PDB file of N, CA and C in Angstrom:
ATOM      1  N   MET A   1     -57.878-156.312 -27.262  1.00  0.00           N
ATOM      2  CA  MET A   1     -56.926-155.158 -27.565  1.00  0.00           C
ATOM      3  C   MET A   1     -57.385-154.062 -26.183  1.00  0.00           C
ATOM      4  N   THR A   2     -55.952-154.662 -25.385  1.00  0.00           N
ATOM      5  CA  THR A   2     -55.822-153.527 -24.118  1.00  0.00           C
ATOM      6  C   THR A   2     -54.908-152.674 -24.322  1.00  0.00           C
ATOM      7  N   THR A   3     -55.251-151.438 -23.806  1.00  0.00           N
ATOM      8  CA  THR A   3     -53.747-150.495 -23.815  1.00  0.00           C
ATOM      9  C   THR A   3     -53.300-150.042 -22.570  1.00  0.00           C
ATOM     10  N   PRO A   4     -52.453-150.825 -21.915  1.00  0.00           N
ATOM     11  CA  PRO A   4     -52.415-150.640 -19.921  1.00  0.00           C
ATOM     12  C   PRO A   4     -51.672-148.923 -20.188  1.00  0.00           C
ATOM     13  N   ALA A   5     -51.361-147.798 -21.322  1.00  0.00           N
ATOM     14  CA  ALA A   5     -50.905-147.262 -20.973  1.00  0.00           C
ATOM     15  C   ALA A   5     -51.634-145.978 -20.957  1.00  0.00           C
ATOM     16  N   LEU A   6     -52.869-146.072 -22.002  1.00  0.00           N
ATOM     17  CA  LEU A   6     -53.759-144.846 -21.930  1.00  0.00           C
ATOM     18  C   LEU A   6     -55.145-145.428 -20.640  1.00  0.00           C
ATOM     19  N   LYS A   7     -55.074-146.486 -20.128  1.00  0.00           N
ATOM     20  CA  LYS A   7     -55.975-146.252 -19.226  1.00  0.00           C
ATOM     21  C   LYS A   7     -55.424-146.326 -18.065  1.00  0.00           C
ATOM     22  N   GLY A   8     -56.816-145.658 -16.928  1.00  0.00           N
ATOM     23  CA  GLY A   8     -56.679-145.035 -15.886  1.00  0.00           C
ATOM     24  C   GLY A   8     -56.810-146.185 -15.108  1.00  0.00           C
ATOM     25  N   PRO A   9     -56.738-145.438 -13.781  1.00  0.00           N
ATOM     26  CA  PRO A   9     -57.327-146.515 -12.566  1.00  0.00           C
ATOM     27  C   PRO A   9     -58.654-146.591 -12.509  1.00  0.00           C
ATOM     28  N   GLY A  10     -58.955-147.877 -12.288  1.00  0.00           N
ATOM     29  CA  GLY A  10     -60.065-148.475 -12.668  1.00  0.00           C
ATOM     30  C   GLY A  10     -61.076-148.554 -13.932  1.00  0.00           C
ATOM     31  N   GLN A  11     -60.192-147.826 -14.864  1.00  0.00           N
ATOM     32  CA  GLN A  11     -60.786-147.575 -16.380  1.00  0.00           C
ATOM     33  C   GLN A  11     -60.483-149.639 -16.843  1.00  0.00           C
ATOM     34  N   ALA A  12     -61.795-149.555 -16.973  1.00  0.00           N
ATOM     35  CA  ALA A  12     -61.792-151.328 -18.280  1.00  0.00           C
ATOM     36  C   ALA A  12     -61.115-150.712 -18.952  1.00  0.00           C
ATOM     37  N   ALA A  13     -61.006-151.954 -19.955  1.00  0.00           N
ATOM     38  CA  ALA A  13     -60.425-151.679 -21.405  1.00  0.00           C
ATOM     39  C   ALA A  13     -61.516-152.204 -22.675  1.00  0.00           C
ATOM     40  N   PRO A  14     -61.442-151.653 -23.247  1.00  0.00           N
ATOM     41  CA  PRO A  14     -63.268-151.213 -24.298  1.00  0.00           C
ATOM     42  C   PRO A  14     -62.882-152.332 -25.092  1.00  0.00           C
ATOM     43  N   ASP A  15     -63.772-152.709 -24.998  1.00  0.00           N
ATOM     44  CA  ASP A  15     -64.622-153.427 -26.067  1.00  0.00           C
ATOM     45  C   ASP A  15     -64.901-153.326 -27.594  1.00  0.00           C
ATOM     46  N   LYS A  16     -65.013-154.123 -28.215  1.00  0.00           N
ATOM     47  CA  LYS A  16     -64.773-154.186 -29.815  1.00  0.00           C
ATOM     48  C   LYS A  16     -65.894-152.730 -29.996  1.00  0.00           C
ATOM     49  N   ALA A  17     -67.254-152.850 -28.757  1.00  0.00           N
ATOM     50  CA  ALA A  17     -68.517-151.517 -29.421  1.00  0.00           C
ATOM     51  C   ALA A  17     -67.957-150.345 -28.948  1.00  0.00           C
ATOM     52  N   GLY A  18     -67.485-150.264 -27.912  1.00  0.00           N
ATOM     53  CA  GLY A  18     -66.549-149.252 -27.588  1.00  0.00           C
ATOM     54  C   GLY A  18     -65.572-148.802 -28.565  1.00  0.00           C
ATOM     55  N   LEU A  19     -64.896-149.561 -28.970  1.00  0.00           N
ATOM     56  CA  LEU A  19     -63.641-149.233 -29.706  1.00  0.00           C
ATOM     57  C   LEU A  19     -64.260-148.389 -31.271  1.00  0.00           C
ATOM     58  N   ALA A  20     -65.842-149.179 -31.345  1.00  0.00           N
ATOM     59  CA  ALA A  20     -66.073-148.513 -32.756  1.00  0.00           C
ATOM     60  C   ALA A  20     -66.641-147.171 -32.190  1.00  0.00           C
ATOM     61  N   LYS A  21     -66.744-146.711 -31.445  1.00  0.00           N
ATOM     62  CA  LYS A  21     -67.076-145.299 -30.730  1.00  0.00           C
ATOM     63  C   LYS A  21     -66.449-144.396 -30.734  1.00  0.00           C
ATOM     64  N   LEU A  22     -64.939-145.026 -30.364  1.00  0.00           N
ATOM     65  CA  LEU A  22     -64.146-143.832 -30.637  1.00  0.00           C
ATOM     66  C   LEU A  22     -63.584-142.994 -31.835  1.00  0.00           C
ATOM     67  N   PRO A  23     -63.184-141.772 -31.575  1.00  0.00           N
ATOM     68  CA  PRO A  23     -62.741-141.062 -32.787  1.00  0.00           C
ATOM     69  C   PRO A  23     -61.257-141.716 -33.378  1.00  0.00           C
ATOM     70  N   LYS A  24     -60.920-141.305 -34.565  1.00  0.00           N
ATOM     71  CA  LYS A  24     -60.264-142.319 -35.345  1.00  0.00           C
ATOM     72  C   LYS A  24     -59.061-141.838 -34.505  1.00  0.00           C
ATOM     73  N   ALA A  25     -59.028-140.571 -34.230  1.00  0.00           N
ATOM     74  CA  ALA A  25     -57.729-139.845 -33.568  1.00  0.00           C
ATOM     75  C   ALA A  25     -57.387-140.169 -32.337  1.00  0.00           C
ATOM     76  N   LYS A  26     -58.202-140.866 -31.583  1.00  0.00           N
ATOM     77  CA  LYS A  26     -57.876-141.512 -30.340  1.00  0.00           C
ATOM     78  C   LYS A  26     -57.651-143.223 -30.032  1.00  0.00           C
ATOM     79  N   LEU A  27     -57.576-143.858 -31.971  1.00  0.00           N
ATOM     80  CA  LEU A  27     -57.214-144.922 -31.672  1.00  0.00           C
ATOM     81  C   LEU A  27     -56.017-145.181 -32.434  1.00  0.00           C
ATOM     82  N   ILE A  28     -55.972-144.157 -33.518  1.00  0.00           N
ATOM     83  CA  ILE A  28     -54.008-144.164 -33.716  1.00  0.00           C
ATOM     84  C   ILE A  28     -53.328-143.816 -32.263  1.00  0.00           C
ATOM     85  N   ALA A  29     -53.899-143.258 -31.438  1.00  0.00           N
ATOM     86  CA  ALA A  29     -53.225-142.762 -30.656  1.00  0.00           C
ATOM     87  C   ALA A  29     -53.358-143.875 -29.516  1.00  0.00           C
ATOM     88  N   MET A  30     -53.799-144.936 -29.554  1.00  0.00           N
ATOM     89  CA  MET A  30     -53.759-146.096 -28.398  1.00  0.00           C
ATOM     90  C   MET A  30     -53.031-147.378 -29.640  1.00  0.00           C
ATOM     91  N   LEU A  31     -52.864-146.932 -31.154  1.00  0.00           N
ATOM     92  CA  LEU A  31     -52.698-148.096 -32.019  1.00  0.00           C
ATOM     93  C   LEU A  31     -50.749-147.957 -31.537  1.00  0.00           C
ATOM     94  N   LEU A  32     -50.223-146.953 -31.465  1.00  0.00           N
ATOM     95  CA  LEU A  32     -48.856-145.858 -31.509  1.00  0.00           C
ATOM     96  C   LEU A  32     -48.845-146.275 -30.227  1.00  0.00           C
ATOM     97  N   ALA A  33     -49.267-145.825 -29.182  1.00  0.00           N
ATOM     98  CA  ALA A  33     -49.394-146.486 -27.950  1.00  0.00           C
ATOM     99  C   ALA A  33     -48.636-147.986 -27.362  1.00  0.00           C
ATOM    100  N   GLN A  34     -49.538-148.668 -27.870  1.00  0.00           N
ATOM    101  CA  GLN A  34     -49.468-150.373 -27.997  1.00  0.00           C
ATOM    102  C   GLN A  34     -48.096-150.572 -28.943  1.00  0.00           C
ATOM    103  N   ARG A  35     -47.760-149.777 -29.904  1.00  0.00           N
ATOM    104  CA  ARG A  35     -47.228-149.908 -30.794  1.00  0.00           C
ATOM    105  C   ARG A  35     -45.364-149.969 -30.127  1.00  0.00           C
ATOM    106  N   GLU A  36     -45.769-148.740 -29.119  1.00  0.00           N
ATOM    107  CA  GLU A  36     -44.102-148.407 -28.330  1.00  0.00           C
ATOM    108  C   GLU A  36     -43.422-149.006 -27.849  1.00  0.00           C
ATOM    109  N   ASP A  37     -45.042-150.259 -26.760  1.00  0.00           N
ATOM    110  CA  ASP A  37     -44.891-150.305 -25.451  1.00  0.00           C
ATOM    111  C   ASP A  37     -44.140-152.051 -26.240  1.00  0.00           C
ATOM    112  N   THR A  38     -44.617-152.134 -27.044  1.00  0.00           N
ATOM    113  CA  THR A  38     -44.049-153.212 -27.543  1.00  0.00           C
ATOM    114  C   THR A  38     -43.321-153.710 -28.625  1.00  0.00           C
ATOM    115  N   ARG A  39     -42.747-152.416 -28.830  1.00  0.00           N
ATOM    116  CA  ARG A  39     -41.262-152.061 -28.807  1.00  0.00           C
ATOM    117  C   ARG A  39     -40.549-152.199 -28.134  1.00  0.00           C
ATOM    118  N   ILE A  40     -40.726-151.563 -26.891  1.00  0.00           N
ATOM    119  CA  ILE A  40     -39.804-151.610 -25.449  1.00  0.00           C
ATOM    120  C   ILE A  40     -39.814-152.603 -25.349  1.00  0.00           C
ATOM    121  N   ARG A  41     -40.949-153.351 -24.752  1.00  0.00           N
ATOM    122  CA  ARG A  41     -40.793-154.630 -24.302  1.00  0.00           C
ATOM    123  C   ARG A  41     -39.822-155.856 -25.204  1.00  0.00           C
ATOM    124  N   LEU A  42     -39.692-155.903 -26.451  1.00  0.00           N
ATOM    125  CA  LEU A  42     -38.810-156.764 -27.270  1.00  0.00           C
ATOM    126  C   LEU A  42     -37.176-156.228 -27.774  1.00  0.00           C
ATOM    127  N   GLU A  43     -37.458-154.631 -27.145  1.00  0.00           N
ATOM    128  CA  GLU A  43     -35.774-154.321 -27.281  1.00  0.00           C
ATOM    129  C   GLU A  43     -35.430-154.578 -25.753  1.00  0.00           C
ATOM    130  N   GLU A  44     -35.855-154.972 -24.513  1.00  0.00           N
ATOM    131  CA  GLU A  44     -35.366-155.699 -23.206  1.00  0.00           C
ATOM    132  C   GLU A  44     -35.373-157.017 -23.658  1.00  0.00           C
ATOM    133  N   LYS A  45     -36.101-157.593 -24.236  1.00  0.00           N
ATOM    134  CA  LYS A  45     -36.049-159.591 -24.544  1.00  0.00           C
ATOM    135  C   LYS A  45     -34.359-159.124 -25.091  1.00  0.00           C
ATOM    136  N   ASP A  46     -34.630-158.965 -26.024  1.00  0.00           N
ATOM    137  CA  ASP A  46     -33.250-158.011 -27.315  1.00  0.00           C
ATOM    138  C   ASP A  46     -32.161-158.052 -26.270  1.00  0.00           C
ATOM    139  N   GLN A  47     -32.594-157.332 -25.374  1.00  0.00           N
ATOM    140  CA  GLN A  47     -31.086-156.720 -24.950  1.00  0.00           C
ATOM    141  C   GLN A  47     -31.120-158.176 -23.259  1.00  0.00           C
ATOM    142  N   ARG A  48     -32.160-158.896 -22.892  1.00  0.00           N
ATOM    143  CA  ARG A  48     -31.615-159.996 -22.513  1.00  0.00           C
ATOM    144  C   ARG A  48     -31.092-161.123 -23.102  1.00  0.00           C
ATOM    145  N   ILE A  49     -31.382-161.494 -24.225  1.00  0.00           N
ATOM    146  CA  ILE A  49     -31.150-162.299 -25.128  1.00  0.00           C
ATOM    147  C   ILE A  49     -29.206-161.903 -24.851  1.00  0.00           C
ATOM    148  N   ALA A  50     -29.156-161.372 -25.128  1.00  0.00           N
ATOM    149  CA  ALA A  50     -27.486-160.592 -26.018  1.00  0.00           C
ATOM    150  C   ALA A  50     -26.592-161.221 -24.574  1.00  0.00           C
ATOM    151  N   GLU A  51     -27.008-160.902 -23.536  1.00  0.00           N
ATOM    152  CA  GLU A  51     -26.595-160.713 -21.628  1.00  0.00           C
ATOM    153  C   GLU A  51     -26.460-162.260 -21.763  1.00  0.00           C
ATOM    154  N   LEU A  52     -27.822-163.169 -22.060  1.00  0.00           N
ATOM    155  CA  LEU A  52     -27.037-164.788 -21.771  1.00  0.00           C
ATOM    156  C   LEU A  52     -26.893-164.686 -22.796  1.00  0.00           C
ATOM    157  N   SER A  53     -26.991-164.887 -24.040  1.00  0.00           N
ATOM    158  CA  SER A  53     -26.313-165.392 -25.203  1.00  0.00           C
ATOM    159  C   SER A  53     -23.993-165.070 -24.579  1.00  0.00           C
ATOM    160  N   GLU A  54     -24.157-163.558 -24.311  1.00  0.00           N
ATOM    161  CA  GLU A  54     -22.666-163.503 -23.769  1.00  0.00           C
ATOM    162  C   GLU A  54     -22.300-164.666 -22.612  1.00  0.00           C
ATOM    163  N   GLN A  55     -23.346-164.645 -21.294  1.00  0.00           N
ATOM    164  CA  GLN A  55     -22.704-165.390 -20.286  1.00  0.00           C
ATOM    165  C   GLN A  55     -23.071-166.668 -20.845  1.00  0.00           C
ATOM    166  N   LEU A  56     -23.531-167.358 -21.342  1.00  0.00           N
ATOM    167  CA  LEU A  56     -23.506-168.823 -22.109  1.00  0.00           C
ATOM    168  C   LEU A  56     -22.206-168.809 -22.860  1.00  0.00           C
ATOM    169  N   GLY A  57     -21.684-168.227 -23.454  1.00  0.00           N
ATOM    170  CA  GLY A  57     -20.178-168.330 -24.517  1.00  0.00           C
ATOM    171  C   GLY A  57     -19.059-168.055 -23.549  1.00  0.00           C
ATOM    172  N   LYS A  58     -19.383-167.517 -22.566  1.00  0.00           N
ATOM    173  CA  LYS A  58     -17.830-167.997 -21.266  1.00  0.00           C
ATOM    174  C   LYS A  58     -18.143-168.807 -20.537  1.00  0.00           C
ATOM    175  N   LEU A  59     -19.447-169.326 -20.098  1.00  0.00           N
ATOM    176  CA  LEU A  59     -19.604-170.288 -19.299  1.00  0.00           C
ATOM    177  C   LEU A  59     -19.218-171.671 -20.581  1.00  0.00           C
ATOM    178  N   GLN A  60     -19.239-171.771 -22.091  1.00  0.00           N
ATOM    179  CA  GLN A  60     -18.840-172.752 -22.378  1.00  0.00           C
ATOM    180  C   GLN A  60     -17.417-172.586 -22.997  1.00  0.00           C
ATOM    181  N   ALA A  61     -16.940-171.416 -22.420  1.00  0.00           N
ATOM    182  CA  ALA A  61     -15.657-171.630 -22.755  1.00  0.00           C
ATOM    183  C   ALA A  61     -14.664-172.272 -21.532  1.00  0.00           C
ATOM    184  N   GLU A  62     -15.332-171.768 -20.253  1.00  0.00           N
ATOM    185  CA  GLU A  62     -14.524-172.270 -19.046  1.00  0.00           C
ATOM    186  C   GLU A  62     -14.936-173.803 -18.894  1.00  0.00           C
ATOM    187  N   LEU A  63     -16.244-174.371 -19.614  1.00  0.00           N
ATOM    188  CA  LEU A  63     -16.202-176.196 -19.851  1.00  0.00           C
ATOM    189  C   LEU A  63     -15.247-176.208 -20.716  1.00  0.00           C
ATOM    190  N   ASP A  64     -15.231-175.652 -21.868  1.00  0.00           N
ATOM    191  CA  ASP A  64     -14.060-176.268 -22.370  1.00  0.00           C
ATOM    192  C   ASP A  64     -12.705-176.470 -22.164  1.00  0.00           C
ATOM    193  N   GLN A  65     -12.323-175.318 -21.465  1.00  0.00           N
ATOM    194  CA  GLN A  65     -10.894-175.374 -21.037  1.00  0.00           C
ATOM    195  C   GLN A  65     -10.818-176.686 -19.379  1.00  0.00           C
ATOM    196  N   GLN A  66     -11.815-176.868 -18.584  1.00  0.00           N
ATOM    197  CA  GLN A  66     -12.256-177.166 -18.122  1.00  0.00           C
ATOM    198  C   GLN A  66     -12.057-179.079 -18.742  1.00  0.00           C
ATOM    199  N   ARG A  67     -12.559-179.088 -19.745  1.00  0.00           N
ATOM    200  CA  ARG A  67     -12.380-180.510 -20.534  1.00  0.00           C
ATOM    201  C   ARG A  67     -11.514-180.606 -21.046  1.00  0.00           C
ATOM    202  N   ALA A  68     -10.698-179.349 -21.565  1.00  0.00           N
ATOM    203  CA  ALA A  68      -9.863-179.625 -22.356  1.00  0.00           C
ATOM    204  C   ALA A  68      -8.276-179.861 -21.199  1.00  0.00           C
ATOM    205  N   GLY A  69      -8.527-180.034 -19.974  1.00  0.00           N
ATOM    206  CA  GLY A  69      -8.073-180.001 -18.593  1.00  0.00           C
ATOM    207  C   GLY A  69      -7.452-181.564 -18.401  1.00  0.00           C
ATOM    208  N   GLN A  70      -8.777-181.689 -18.408  1.00  0.00           N
ATOM    209  CA  GLN A  70      -9.352-183.596 -17.947  1.00  0.00           C
ATOM    210  C   GLN A  70      -8.813-184.225 -18.738  1.00  0.00           C
ATOM    211  N   THR A  71      -8.535-184.069 -19.797  1.00  0.00           N
ATOM    212  CA  THR A  71      -8.332-184.919 -20.783  1.00  0.00           C
ATOM    213  C   THR A  71      -6.896-185.191 -20.967  1.00  0.00           C
ATOM    214  N   ILE A  72      -6.142-183.968 -20.537  1.00  0.00           N
ATOM    215  CA  ILE A  72      -4.561-183.982 -20.600  1.00  0.00           C
ATOM    216  C   ILE A  72      -4.766-185.038 -19.908  1.00  0.00           C
ATOM    217  N   LYS A  73      -5.275-184.757 -18.310  1.00  0.00           N
ATOM    218  CA  LYS A  73      -5.291-185.616 -17.064  1.00  0.00           C
ATOM    219  C   LYS A  73      -5.117-187.068 -17.544  1.00  0.00           C
ATOM    220  N   ASP A  74      -6.682-187.132 -17.862  1.00  0.00           N
ATOM    221  CA  ASP A  74      -6.448-188.716 -18.239  1.00  0.00           C
ATOM    222  C   ASP A  74      -5.818-189.254 -19.100  1.00  0.00           C
ATOM    223  N   ILE A  75      -5.080-188.875 -19.956  1.00  0.00           N
ATOM    224  CA  ILE A  75      -4.178-188.992 -21.205  1.00  0.00           C
ATOM    225  C   ILE A  75      -2.404-190.009 -20.243  1.00  0.00           C
ATOM    226  N   ASN A  76      -2.357-188.582 -19.476  1.00  0.00           N
ATOM    227  CA  ASN A  76      -0.601-188.551 -18.679  1.00  0.00           C
ATOM    228  C   ASN A  76      -0.785-189.199 -18.270  1.00  0.00           C
ATOM    229  N   ALA A  77      -2.561-190.112 -17.354  1.00  0.00           N
ATOM    230  CA  ALA A  77      -2.627-190.814 -16.402  1.00  0.00           C
ATOM    231  C   ALA A  77      -2.393-192.225 -17.305  1.00  0.00           C
ATOM    232  N   HIS A  78      -2.802-192.377 -18.090  1.00  0.00           N
ATOM    233  CA  HIS A  78      -2.908-193.893 -18.642  1.00  0.00           C
ATOM    234  C   HIS A  78      -1.307-193.640 -19.433  1.00  0.00           C
ATOM    235  N   VAL A  79      -0.664-192.536 -19.957  1.00  0.00           N
ATOM    236  CA  VAL A  79       0.775-192.781 -20.568  1.00  0.00           C
ATOM    237  C   VAL A  79       1.671-193.332 -19.429  1.00  0.00           C
ATOM    238  N   ASN A  80       1.687-192.634 -18.474  1.00  0.00           N
ATOM    239  CA  ASN A  80       2.673-192.632 -17.305  1.00  0.00           C
ATOM    240  C   ASN A  80       3.011-194.098 -16.421  1.00  0.00           C
ATOM    241  N   GLN A  81       1.361-195.071 -17.153  1.00  0.00           N
ATOM    242  CA  GLN A  81       1.766-196.019 -16.219  1.00  0.00           C
ATOM    243  C   GLN A  81       2.272-197.405 -16.642  1.00  0.00           C
ATOM    244  N   PRO A  82       2.997-198.230 -16.502  1.00  0.00           N
ATOM    245  CA  PRO A  82       3.572-198.776 -16.482  1.00  0.00           C
ATOM    246  C   PRO A  82       3.385-200.134 -17.821  1.00  0.00           C
ATOM    247  N   THR A  83       3.966-200.472 -18.036  1.00  0.00           N
ATOM    248  CA  THR A  83       3.466-201.574 -19.502  1.00  0.00           C
ATOM    249  C   THR A  83       3.925-202.844 -19.009  1.00  0.00           C
ATOM    250  N   SER A  84       4.981-202.925 -18.358  1.00  0.00           N
ATOM    251  CA  SER A  84       5.162-204.328 -17.482  1.00  0.00           C
ATOM    252  C   SER A  84       5.906-204.217 -16.523  1.00  0.00           C
ATOM    253  N   LYS A  85       6.340-205.468 -15.351  1.00  0.00           N
ATOM    254  CA  LYS A  85       6.849-204.987 -14.380  1.00  0.00           C
ATOM    255  C   LYS A  85       8.692-204.916 -14.416  1.00  0.00           C
ATOM    256  N   LYS A  86       8.833-205.088 -15.901  1.00  0.00           N
ATOM    257  CA  LYS A  86      10.048-204.679 -15.558  1.00  0.00           C
ATOM    258  C   LYS A  86       9.983-203.632 -16.446  1.00  0.00           C
ATOM    259  N   PRO A  87      11.674-203.031 -16.107  1.00  0.00           N
ATOM    260  CA  PRO A  87      11.672-201.204 -15.749  1.00  0.00           C
ATOM    261  C   PRO A  87      11.598-201.328 -17.546  1.00  0.00           C
ATOM    262  N   GLU A  88      11.496-199.873 -18.116  1.00  0.00           N
ATOM    263  CA  GLU A  88      11.695-200.169 -19.724  1.00  0.00           C
ATOM    264  C   GLU A  88      13.306-200.232 -19.904  1.00  0.00           C
ATOM    265  N   TRP A  89      14.457-199.964 -19.477  1.00  0.00           N
ATOM    266  CA  TRP A  89      15.705-199.590 -19.659  1.00  0.00           C
ATOM    267  C   TRP A  89      16.111-201.141 -19.693  1.00  0.00           C
ATOM    268  N   ASP A  90      15.454-201.558 -19.027  1.00  0.00           N
ATOM    269  CA  ASP A  90      15.664-203.273 -19.111  1.00  0.00           C
ATOM    270  C   ASP A  90      15.173-204.407 -20.337  1.00  0.00           C
ATOM    271  N   LYS A  91      14.655-203.926 -20.866  1.00  0.00           N
ATOM    272  CA  LYS A  91      13.268-204.808 -21.900  1.00  0.00           C
ATOM    273  C   LYS A  91      15.148-205.410 -23.333  1.00  0.00           C
ATOM    274  N   ASP A  92      15.513-203.983 -23.941  1.00  0.00           N
ATOM    275  CA  ASP A  92      16.111-204.189 -24.766  1.00  0.00           C
ATOM    276  C   ASP A  92      17.120-203.620 -24.717  1.00  0.00           C
ATOM    277  N   GLY A  93      17.482-202.496 -24.304  1.00  0.00           N
ATOM    278  CA  GLY A  93      18.759-201.834 -24.152  1.00  0.00           C
ATOM    279  C   GLY A  93      19.355-202.179 -23.230  1.00  0.00           C
ATOM    280  N   ASN A  94      20.035-202.591 -22.695  1.00  0.00           N
ATOM    281  CA  ASN A  94      21.088-203.420 -22.023  1.00  0.00           C
ATOM    282  C   ASN A  94      20.777-205.114 -21.420  1.00  0.00           C
ATOM    283  N   PRO A  95      21.336-205.418 -22.115  1.00  0.00           N
ATOM    284  CA  PRO A  95      21.057-206.943 -21.598  1.00  0.00           C
ATOM    285  C   PRO A  95      21.727-207.490 -21.104  1.00  0.00           C
ATOM    286  N   LYS A  96      21.617-208.155 -20.166  1.00  0.00           N
ATOM    287  CA  LYS A  96      22.639-208.366 -19.092  1.00  0.00           C
ATOM    288  C   LYS A  96      23.905-209.273 -19.524  1.00  0.00           C
ATOM    289  N   PRO A  97      25.064-208.806 -19.330  1.00  0.00           N
ATOM    290  CA  PRO A  97      26.731-209.435 -19.938  1.00  0.00           C
ATOM    291  C   PRO A  97      26.318-211.486 -19.205  1.00  0.00           C
ATOM    292  N   THR A  98      26.966-212.115 -20.284  1.00  0.00           N
ATOM    293  CA  THR A  98      27.064-213.453 -20.049  1.00  0.00           C
ATOM    294  C   THR A  98      27.827-213.929 -19.378  1.00  0.00           C
ATOM    295  N   ALA A  99      28.120-215.108 -18.790  1.00  0.00           N
ATOM    296  CA  ALA A  99      29.494-215.227 -17.938  1.00  0.00           C
ATOM    297  C   ALA A  99      30.887-215.729 -19.642  1.00  0.00           C
ATOM    298  N   LYS A 100      31.651-216.118 -19.091  1.00  0.00           N
ATOM    299  CA  LYS A 100      32.891-215.812 -19.567  1.00  0.00           C
ATOM    300  C   LYS A 100      33.366-216.971 -19.324  1.00  0.00           C
ATOM    301  N   GLY A 101      33.334-217.600 -19.199  1.00  0.00           N
ATOM    302  CA  GLY A 101      33.949-219.231 -18.634  1.00  0.00           C
ATOM    303  C   GLY A 101      34.662-219.074 -17.350  1.00  0.00           C
ATOM    304  N   PRO A 102      35.555-219.776 -16.438  1.00  0.00           N
ATOM    305  CA  PRO A 102      36.466-219.600 -15.158  1.00  0.00           C
ATOM    306  C   PRO A 102      37.368-218.656 -15.464  1.00  0.00           C
ATOM    307  N   ARG A 103      37.253-218.499 -13.969  1.00  0.00           N
ATOM    308  CA  ARG A 103      38.270-217.464 -13.208  1.00  0.00           C
ATOM    309  C   ARG A 103      38.905-218.309 -12.359  1.00  0.00           C
ATOM    310  N   ASP A 104      40.438-217.253 -12.289  1.00  0.00           N
ATOM    311  CA  ASP A 104      41.157-217.699 -11.170  1.00  0.00           C
ATOM    312  C   ASP A 104      40.890-216.602 -10.134  1.00  0.00           C
ATOM    313  N   LYS A 105      41.628-216.869  -8.689  1.00  0.00           N
ATOM    314  CA  LYS A 105      41.193-215.589  -7.979  1.00  0.00           C
ATOM    315  C   LYS A 105      41.260-214.609  -8.116  1.00  0.00           C
ATOM    316  N   THR A 106      42.444-214.376  -8.945  1.00  0.00           N
ATOM    317  CA  THR A 106      42.400-212.646  -9.021  1.00  0.00           C
ATOM    318  C   THR A 106      41.210-211.911  -9.993  1.00  0.00           C
ATOM    319  N   GLY A 107      40.107-213.017 -10.580  1.00  0.00           N
ATOM    320  CA  GLY A 107      39.636-212.534 -11.289  1.00  0.00           C
ATOM    321  C   GLY A 107      40.079-212.609 -12.841  1.00  0.00           C
ATOM    322  N   LYS A 108      41.067-213.230 -13.420  1.00  0.00           N
ATOM    323  CA  LYS A 108      41.415-212.959 -14.662  1.00  0.00           C
ATOM    324  C   LYS A 108      41.262-214.587 -14.911  1.00  0.00           C
ATOM    325  N   PRO A 109      41.166-214.839 -16.494  1.00  0.00           N
ATOM    326  CA  PRO A 109      40.543-216.102 -17.006  1.00  0.00           C
ATOM    327  C   PRO A 109      41.766-217.459 -16.733  1.00  0.00           C
ATOM    328  N   LYS A 110      41.121-218.094 -16.108  1.00  0.00           N
ATOM    329  CA  LYS A 110      41.772-219.662 -16.487  1.00  0.00           C
ATOM    330  C   LYS A 110      43.153-219.746 -17.845  1.00  0.00           C
ATOM    331  N   LYS A 111      44.343-220.243 -17.411  1.00  0.00           N
ATOM    332  CA  LYS A 111      44.978-220.783 -18.558  1.00  0.00           C
ATOM    333  C   LYS A 111      44.558-221.888 -19.174  1.00  0.00           C
ATOM    334  N   ARG A 112      44.593-221.853 -20.481  1.00  0.00           N
ATOM    335  CA  ARG A 112      44.018-223.486 -20.893  1.00  0.00           C
ATOM    336  C   ARG A 112      45.201-224.421 -20.759  1.00  0.00           C
ATOM    337  N   GLU A 113      45.183-225.454 -20.286  1.00  0.00           N
ATOM    338  CA  GLU A 113      46.170-226.278 -20.220  1.00  0.00           C
ATOM    339  C   GLU A 113      46.626-227.139 -21.689  1.00  0.00           C
TER     340      GLU A 113
END
């Protein structure tokens, strides 16, 4: 058990025999200092975790937007491809007119005799 807050320069951490010789008040002070150091480190880590979680959320939202945009582009590229060489309006909607028989020079139908 080391207590960096109570150690001075050049002092080694007390071993088990050294701890047994210390008075109760000193041991309690060491435990309280150790607990406070641990609490501070835990709070710093919790704060860092919260910051990283927030950063992760922002990056995830950004990535989702990019994926959605890419998905729309992929769908549009696929949908806009022609299904055949014929234009869509000539498939069924406007059939070509059929020939109506012979015509004379003026474009009128010839009279039957």
